[in-house]
C-alpha atoms as a PDB file:
ATOM      1  CA  MET A   1      -8.007 -11.884   6.368  1.00  0.00           C
ATOM      2  CA  PRO A   2      -6.233  -8.587   6.644  1.00  0.00           C
ATOM      3  CA  THR A   3      -5.002  -6.576   4.135  1.00  0.00           C
ATOM      4  CA  ALA A   4      -1.068  -5.091   3.807  1.00  0.00           C
ATOM      5  CA  ALA A   5      -0.624  -1.248   3.992  1.00  0.00           C
ATOM      6  CA  THR A   6       2.117   0.149   2.574  1.00  0.00           C
ATOM      7  CA  VAL A   7       3.743   2.838   4.855  1.00  0.00           C
ATOM      8  CA  THR A   8       6.272   5.678   3.293  1.00  0.00           C
ATOM      9  CA  LEU A   9       8.362   8.158   5.049  1.00  0.00           C
ATOM     10  CA  LEU A  10       9.579  10.924   3.205  1.00  0.00           C
ATOM     11  CA  THR A  11      12.549  12.562   4.437  1.00  0.00           C
ATOM     12  CA  ARG A  12      15.359  15.298   3.576  1.00  0.00           C
ATOM     13  CA  PRO A  13      19.288  15.137   5.591  1.00  0.00           C
ATOM     14  CA  GLY A  14      19.738  16.856   8.120  1.00  0.00           C
ATOM     15  CA  CYS A  15      16.220  17.001   9.327  1.00  0.00           C
ATOM     16  CA  HIS A  16      15.626  16.392  13.190  1.00  0.00           C
ATOM     17  CA  LEU A  17      12.093  16.369  12.709  1.00  0.00           C
ATOM     18  CA  CYS A  18      13.028  13.565  10.176  1.00  0.00           C
ATOM     19  CA  ASP A  19      14.931  11.770  12.721  1.00  0.00           C
ATOM     20  CA  ALA A  20      12.320  11.363  15.373  1.00  0.00           C
ATOM     21  CA  ALA A  21       9.889  10.763  12.881  1.00  0.00           C
ATOM     22  CA  ARG A  22      11.964   7.426  11.798  1.00  0.00           C
ATOM     23  CA  GLU A  23      11.805   6.424  15.071  1.00  0.00           C
ATOM     24  CA  ILE A  24       8.676   6.611  15.814  1.00  0.00           C
ATOM     25  CA  VAL A  25       7.541   5.298  12.452  1.00  0.00           C
ATOM     26  CA  SER A  26       9.820   2.250  12.529  1.00  0.00           C
ATOM     27  CA  ALA A  27       8.700   1.314  16.430  1.00  0.00           C
ATOM     28  CA  VAL A  28       4.878   1.370  15.337  1.00  0.00           C
ATOM     29  CA  VAL A  29       5.094  -0.399  11.718  1.00  0.00           C
ATOM     30  CA  GLY A  30       7.457  -3.275  13.679  1.00  0.00           C
ATOM     31  CA  GLU A  31       4.593  -4.122  16.228  1.00  0.00           C
ATOM     32  CA  THR A  32       1.915  -3.767  13.345  1.00  0.00           C
ATOM     33  CA  ALA A  33       1.669  -6.818  11.069  1.00  0.00           C
ATOM     34  CA  HIS A  34       0.844  -7.032   7.590  1.00  0.00           C
ATOM     35  CA  VAL A  35       2.686  -3.208   7.167  1.00  0.00           C
ATOM     36  CA  THR A  36       5.821  -2.638   4.874  1.00  0.00           C
ATOM     37  CA  LEU A  37       7.528   0.400   5.728  1.00  0.00           C
ATOM     38  CA  THR A  38       9.954   2.626   2.463  1.00  0.00           C
ATOM     39  CA  GLU A  39      11.475   5.902   2.703  1.00  0.00           C
ATOM     40  CA  PHE A  40      12.612   7.984   0.374  1.00  0.00           C
ATOM     41  CA  SER A  41      14.785  11.201   0.712  1.00  0.00           C
ATOM     42  CA  ILE A  42      13.064  14.366  -0.934  1.00  0.00           C
ATOM     43  CA  ALA A  43      16.964  15.031  -1.919  1.00  0.00           C
ATOM     44  CA  ASP A  44      16.883  12.433  -4.362  1.00  0.00           C
ATOM     45  CA  ASP A  45      13.474  13.185  -6.518  1.00  0.00           C
ATOM     46  CA  ALA A  46      12.856  16.810  -7.708  1.00  0.00           C
ATOM     47  CA  GLU A  47       9.264  16.205  -8.106  1.00  0.00           C
ATOM     48  CA  LEU A  48       8.434  15.172  -4.396  1.00  0.00           C
ATOM     49  CA  ALA A  49      10.857  17.971  -3.237  1.00  0.00           C
ATOM     50  CA  ASP A  50       8.573  20.489  -5.260  1.00  0.00           C
ATOM     51  CA  ARG A  51       5.477  19.125  -3.605  1.00  0.00           C
ATOM     52  CA  TYR A  52       6.827  18.263  -0.036  1.00  0.00           C
ATOM     53  CA  ALA A  53       9.647  20.786   0.319  1.00  0.00           C
ATOM     54  CA  GLU A  54       8.052  22.692   3.168  1.00  0.00           C
ATOM     55  CA  GLU A  55       6.451  19.751   4.624  1.00  0.00           C
ATOM     56  CA  ILE A  56       9.120  17.273   5.589  1.00  0.00           C
ATOM     57  CA  PRO A  57       8.597  14.716   7.145  1.00  0.00           C
ATOM     58  CA  VAL A  58       5.824  13.304   5.352  1.00  0.00           C
ATOM     59  CA  VAL A  59       3.733  10.025   6.664  1.00  0.00           C
ATOM     60  CA  LEU A  60       2.069   8.278   3.481  1.00  0.00           C
ATOM     61  CA  ILE A  61      -0.148   5.323   4.636  1.00  0.00           C
ATOM     62  CA  ASN A  62      -1.483   3.745   1.116  1.00  0.00           C
ATOM     63  CA  ASP A  63       0.404   6.973  -1.177  1.00  0.00           C
ATOM     64  CA  ARG A  64      -2.103   9.040   0.850  1.00  0.00           C
ATOM     65  CA  VAL A  65      -0.856  11.598   3.732  1.00  0.00           C
ATOM     66  CA  HIS A  66      -1.273  10.776   7.363  1.00  0.00           C
ATOM     67  CA  ASN A  67       0.258  13.922   8.514  1.00  0.00           C
ATOM     68  CA  VAL A  68       2.937  15.938   8.318  1.00  0.00           C
ATOM     69  CA  TRP A  69       5.680  17.245  10.537  1.00  0.00           C
ATOM     70  CA  ARG A  70       5.548  15.442  13.507  1.00  0.00           C
ATOM     71  CA  VAL A  71       3.984  11.830  14.078  1.00  0.00           C
ATOM     72  CA  ASP A  72       1.603  10.817  16.629  1.00  0.00           C
ATOM     73  CA  PRO A  73       1.812   7.253  17.835  1.00  0.00           C
ATOM     74  CA  ASP A  74      -0.969   6.407  18.805  1.00  0.00           C
ATOM     75  CA  ARG A  75      -3.117   8.137  15.711  1.00  0.00           C
ATOM     76  CA  LEU A  76      -0.061   6.115  13.547  1.00  0.00           C
ATOM     77  CA  ARG A  77      -1.319   3.096  15.044  1.00  0.00           C
ATOM     78  CA  ALA A  78      -5.412   3.669  14.838  1.00  0.00           C
ATOM     79  CA  ALA A  79      -4.711   4.430  10.951  1.00  0.00           C
ATOM     80  CA  LEU A  80      -2.460   1.474  10.440  1.00  0.00           C
ATOM     81  CA  GLN A  81      -5.048  -0.801  12.092  1.00  0.00           C
ATOM     82  CA  GLU A  82      -7.556   0.327   9.940  1.00  0.00           C
ATOM     83  CA  ALA A  83      -5.708   0.121   7.039  1.00  0.00           C
ATOM     84  CA  THR A  84      -4.833  -3.530   7.602  1.00  0.00           C
ATOM     85  CA  GLN A  85      -8.816  -4.618   8.163  1.00  0.00           C
END
């Protein structure tokens, strides 16, 4: 039986890398069963801003950092397949 996975995208307003990451992450999550996507802006959370200010965007899979800055769709797809097995 597949396991559910959660992808969290950490962004900030005005971030062009965040815009690109959002498109890739949304597309990959949309084609992967049992995966939910949430997005948080570090502008709304001082703790996240302190922790990730220089690494945005950040993609977390099940609360673990998958990558920062640029998202490779094939690598994300493979990680999600592994996370949902």
